[in-house]
Each structure stands twice: as structure tokens, then as C-alpha cells.
Amino acid sequence: MSAMLDQAVTELNRKLQGRSYEGTAMFVLTGEGSIFLDQGEARVGEGPAEVTLTATPDTFRGLLEGDINAASAFMSGKLAVDGDMGAAMRLASALA
């Protein structure tokens, strides 16, 4: 398990604290691994998800820190979304 994934899980859980996301999502960080989000709690790993988001670790970090807008990253090809686009939009709102 990489330190980057551990840090990302910690940051995701911090951002989601007190916010509502009632779905499942998987973040694939190219070259690092995956983070699975279920019922508002993130952990390193995989699982069946409504939506899978794929990005480089740098793009993912920028999304978490608010330096990169999710819609702009998607439109520019820096963020790939596979699955339920509505779930992706709800997740983006919960992380904003």
C-alpha cells in the first residue's frame, strides 16, 4: 500500500465528514492503486461501484485540494468517468 493512497484516503474521509454521499464510487489513481468509497467512507481497495473515476495522482490531489475543478478535468481528459454520471456529480458536490 502506498503512502499516497493512505494520504488520499485520510483526506477523502476528512472532506466527507459531516457531508452526505450515499453511494459507491471507486477512484483509480494510475500507477498507485484504487480507493473505494462506500456509504461515505473511503478505504484503499476496490469494489463494485456506481461510478469509477480515473486520474493521475497529481490530478487527484488537485481535485481534493480544490486546485482543479472536476468538470474542467473531465472536459480536458484529465479525469475519466465510467458509470453513473449522476453519481459522479453528487460526489463532486459532496467533496466541494
C-alpha atoms as a PDB file:
ATOM      1  CA  MET A   1       0.000   0.000   0.000  1.00  0.00           C
ATOM      2  CA  SER A   2       1.418   3.357  -0.968  1.00  0.00           C
ATOM      3  CA  ALA A   3       1.754   6.397   1.241  1.00  0.00           C
ATOM      4  CA  MET A   4      -0.048   8.399  -1.463  1.00  0.00           C
ATOM      5  CA  LEU A   5      -3.122   6.142  -1.202  1.00  0.00           C
ATOM      6  CA  ASP A   6      -3.088   6.303   2.599  1.00  0.00           C
ATOM      7  CA  GLN A   7      -2.913  10.093   2.476  1.00  0.00           C
ATOM      8  CA  ALA A   8      -5.690  10.270  -0.129  1.00  0.00           C
ATOM      9  CA  VAL A   9      -7.980   8.058   1.986  1.00  0.00           C
ATOM     10  CA  THR A  10      -7.345  10.261   5.023  1.00  0.00           C
ATOM     11  CA  GLU A  11      -8.099  13.417   3.033  1.00  0.00           C
ATOM     12  CA  LEU A  12     -11.232  11.950   1.431  1.00  0.00           C
ATOM     13  CA  ASN A  13     -12.596  10.865   4.803  1.00  0.00           C
ATOM     14  CA  ARG A  14     -11.831  14.306   6.243  1.00  0.00           C
ATOM     15  CA  LYS A  15     -13.624  16.063   3.386  1.00  0.00           C
ATOM     16  CA  LEU A  16     -16.649  13.773   3.624  1.00  0.00           C
ATOM     17  CA  GLN A  17     -17.033  14.174   7.383  1.00  0.00           C
ATOM     18  CA  GLY A  18     -20.478  15.624   8.066  1.00  0.00           C
ATOM     19  CA  ARG A  19     -21.433  15.515   4.379  1.00  0.00           C
ATOM     20  CA  SER A  20     -23.759  13.142   2.655  1.00  0.00           C
ATOM     21  CA  TYR A  21     -22.801  10.739  -0.115  1.00  0.00           C
ATOM     22  CA  GLU A  22     -24.955   7.633  -0.030  1.00  0.00           C
ATOM     23  CA  GLY A  23     -23.431   5.783  -2.964  1.00  0.00           C
ATOM     24  CA  THR A  24     -20.430   3.779  -4.032  1.00  0.00           C
ATOM     25  CA  ALA A  25     -17.500   5.102  -6.024  1.00  0.00           C
ATOM     26  CA  MET A  26     -14.024   3.982  -6.913  1.00  0.00           C
ATOM     27  CA  PHE A  27     -11.073   6.252  -7.579  1.00  0.00           C
ATOM     28  CA  VAL A  28      -8.326   4.712  -9.693  1.00  0.00           C
ATOM     29  CA  LEU A  29      -5.035   6.566  -9.317  1.00  0.00           C
ATOM     30  CA  THR A  30      -2.892   5.499 -12.258  1.00  0.00           C
ATOM     31  CA  GLY A  31       0.278   3.778 -11.154  1.00  0.00           C
ATOM     32  CA  GLU A  32      -0.781   3.794  -7.475  1.00  0.00           C
ATOM     33  CA  GLY A  33      -3.943   1.737  -6.962  1.00  0.00           C
ATOM     34  CA  SER A  34      -7.579   2.251  -6.052  1.00  0.00           C
ATOM     35  CA  ILE A  35      -9.687   3.833  -3.357  1.00  0.00           C
ATOM     36  CA  PHE A  36     -13.208   2.544  -2.733  1.00  0.00           C
ATOM     37  CA  LEU A  37     -15.888   4.797  -1.269  1.00  0.00           C
ATOM     38  CA  ASP A  38     -18.975   3.173   0.253  1.00  0.00           C
ATOM     39  CA  GLN A  39     -21.649   4.987   2.262  1.00  0.00           C
ATOM     40  CA  GLY A  40     -19.430   7.996   2.784  1.00  0.00           C
ATOM     41  CA  GLU A  41     -16.306   6.172   3.994  1.00  0.00           C
ATOM     42  CA  ALA A  42     -13.155   5.732   1.919  1.00  0.00           C
ATOM     43  CA  ARG A  43     -10.671   2.878   2.132  1.00  0.00           C
ATOM     44  CA  VAL A  44      -7.833   1.553  -0.002  1.00  0.00           C
ATOM     45  CA  GLY A  45      -9.192  -1.190  -2.233  1.00  0.00           C
ATOM     46  CA  GLU A  46     -11.754  -1.991  -4.875  1.00  0.00           C
ATOM     47  CA  GLY A  47     -15.393  -2.903  -5.003  1.00  0.00           C
ATOM     48  CA  PRO A  48     -18.495  -2.759  -7.160  1.00  0.00           C
ATOM     49  CA  ALA A  49     -19.099   0.941  -7.715  1.00  0.00           C
ATOM     50  CA  GLU A  50     -21.803   3.079  -9.294  1.00  0.00           C
ATOM     51  CA  VAL A  51     -19.073   5.249 -10.765  1.00  0.00           C
ATOM     52  CA  THR A  52     -15.334   4.844 -11.332  1.00  0.00           C
ATOM     53  CA  LEU A  53     -13.137   7.920 -11.648  1.00  0.00           C
ATOM     54  CA  THR A  54      -9.629   7.557 -13.069  1.00  0.00           C
ATOM     55  CA  ALA A  55      -6.903  10.186 -12.853  1.00  0.00           C
ATOM     56  CA  THR A  56      -3.198  10.594 -12.230  1.00  0.00           C
ATOM     57  CA  PRO A  57      -2.179  11.051  -8.596  1.00  0.00           C
ATOM     58  CA  ASP A  58      -1.363  14.724  -9.314  1.00  0.00           C
ATOM     59  CA  THR A  59      -4.797  15.383 -10.808  1.00  0.00           C
ATOM     60  CA  PHE A  60      -6.490  13.571  -7.933  1.00  0.00           C
ATOM     61  CA  ARG A  61      -4.512  15.610  -5.405  1.00  0.00           C
ATOM     62  CA  GLY A  62      -5.527  18.811  -7.214  1.00  0.00           C
ATOM     63  CA  LEU A  63      -9.178  17.763  -7.101  1.00  0.00           C
ATOM     64  CA  LEU A  64      -9.009  17.073  -3.367  1.00  0.00           C
ATOM     65  CA  GLU A  65      -7.198  20.325  -2.613  1.00  0.00           C
ATOM     66  CA  GLY A  66      -9.608  22.358  -4.756  1.00  0.00           C
ATOM     67  CA  ASP A  67      -6.893  23.467  -7.185  1.00  0.00           C
ATOM     68  CA  ILE A  68      -8.518  21.556 -10.051  1.00  0.00           C
ATOM     69  CA  ASN A  69     -12.202  21.732 -10.958  1.00  0.00           C
ATOM     70  CA  ALA A  70     -13.713  18.272 -11.577  1.00  0.00           C
ATOM     71  CA  ALA A  71     -15.764  19.393 -14.597  1.00  0.00           C
ATOM     72  CA  SER A  72     -12.727  21.055 -16.188  1.00  0.00           C
ATOM     73  CA  ALA A  73     -10.582  17.978 -15.512  1.00  0.00           C
ATOM     74  CA  PHE A  74     -13.228  15.785 -17.140  1.00  0.00           C
ATOM     75  CA  MET A  75     -13.611  18.041 -20.180  1.00  0.00           C
ATOM     76  CA  SER A  76      -9.832  18.231 -20.679  1.00  0.00           C
ATOM     77  CA  GLY A  77      -9.394  14.453 -20.411  1.00  0.00           C
ATOM     78  CA  LYS A  78      -7.500  14.559 -17.105  1.00  0.00           C
ATOM     79  CA  LEU A  79     -10.369  12.782 -15.325  1.00  0.00           C
ATOM     80  CA  ALA A  80     -12.130   9.764 -16.820  1.00  0.00           C
ATOM     81  CA  VAL A  81     -15.588   8.841 -15.555  1.00  0.00           C
ATOM     82  CA  ASP A  82     -17.099   5.404 -16.115  1.00  0.00           C
ATOM     83  CA  GLY A  83     -20.589   4.609 -14.881  1.00  0.00           C
ATOM     84  CA  ASP A  84     -23.341   6.752 -13.440  1.00  0.00           C
ATOM     85  CA  MET A  85     -22.652  10.402 -14.291  1.00  0.00           C
ATOM     86  CA  GLY A  86     -25.289  11.495 -11.753  1.00  0.00           C
ATOM     87  CA  ALA A  87     -23.366   9.681  -9.002  1.00  0.00           C
ATOM     88  CA  ALA A  88     -20.183  11.437 -10.155  1.00  0.00           C
ATOM     89  CA  MET A  89     -21.902  14.819  -9.922  1.00  0.00           C
ATOM     90  CA  ARG A  90     -23.289  14.055  -6.444  1.00  0.00           C
ATOM     91  CA  LEU A  91     -19.814  13.010  -5.328  1.00  0.00           C
ATOM     92  CA  ALA A  92     -18.257  16.193  -6.726  1.00  0.00           C
ATOM     93  CA  SER A  93     -20.815  18.224  -4.769  1.00  0.00           C
ATOM     94  CA  ALA A  94     -20.096  16.294  -1.571  1.00  0.00           C
ATOM     95  CA  LEU A  95     -16.357  16.900  -1.966  1.00  0.00           C
ATOM     96  CA  ALA A  96     -16.629  20.599  -2.827  1.00  0.00           C
END
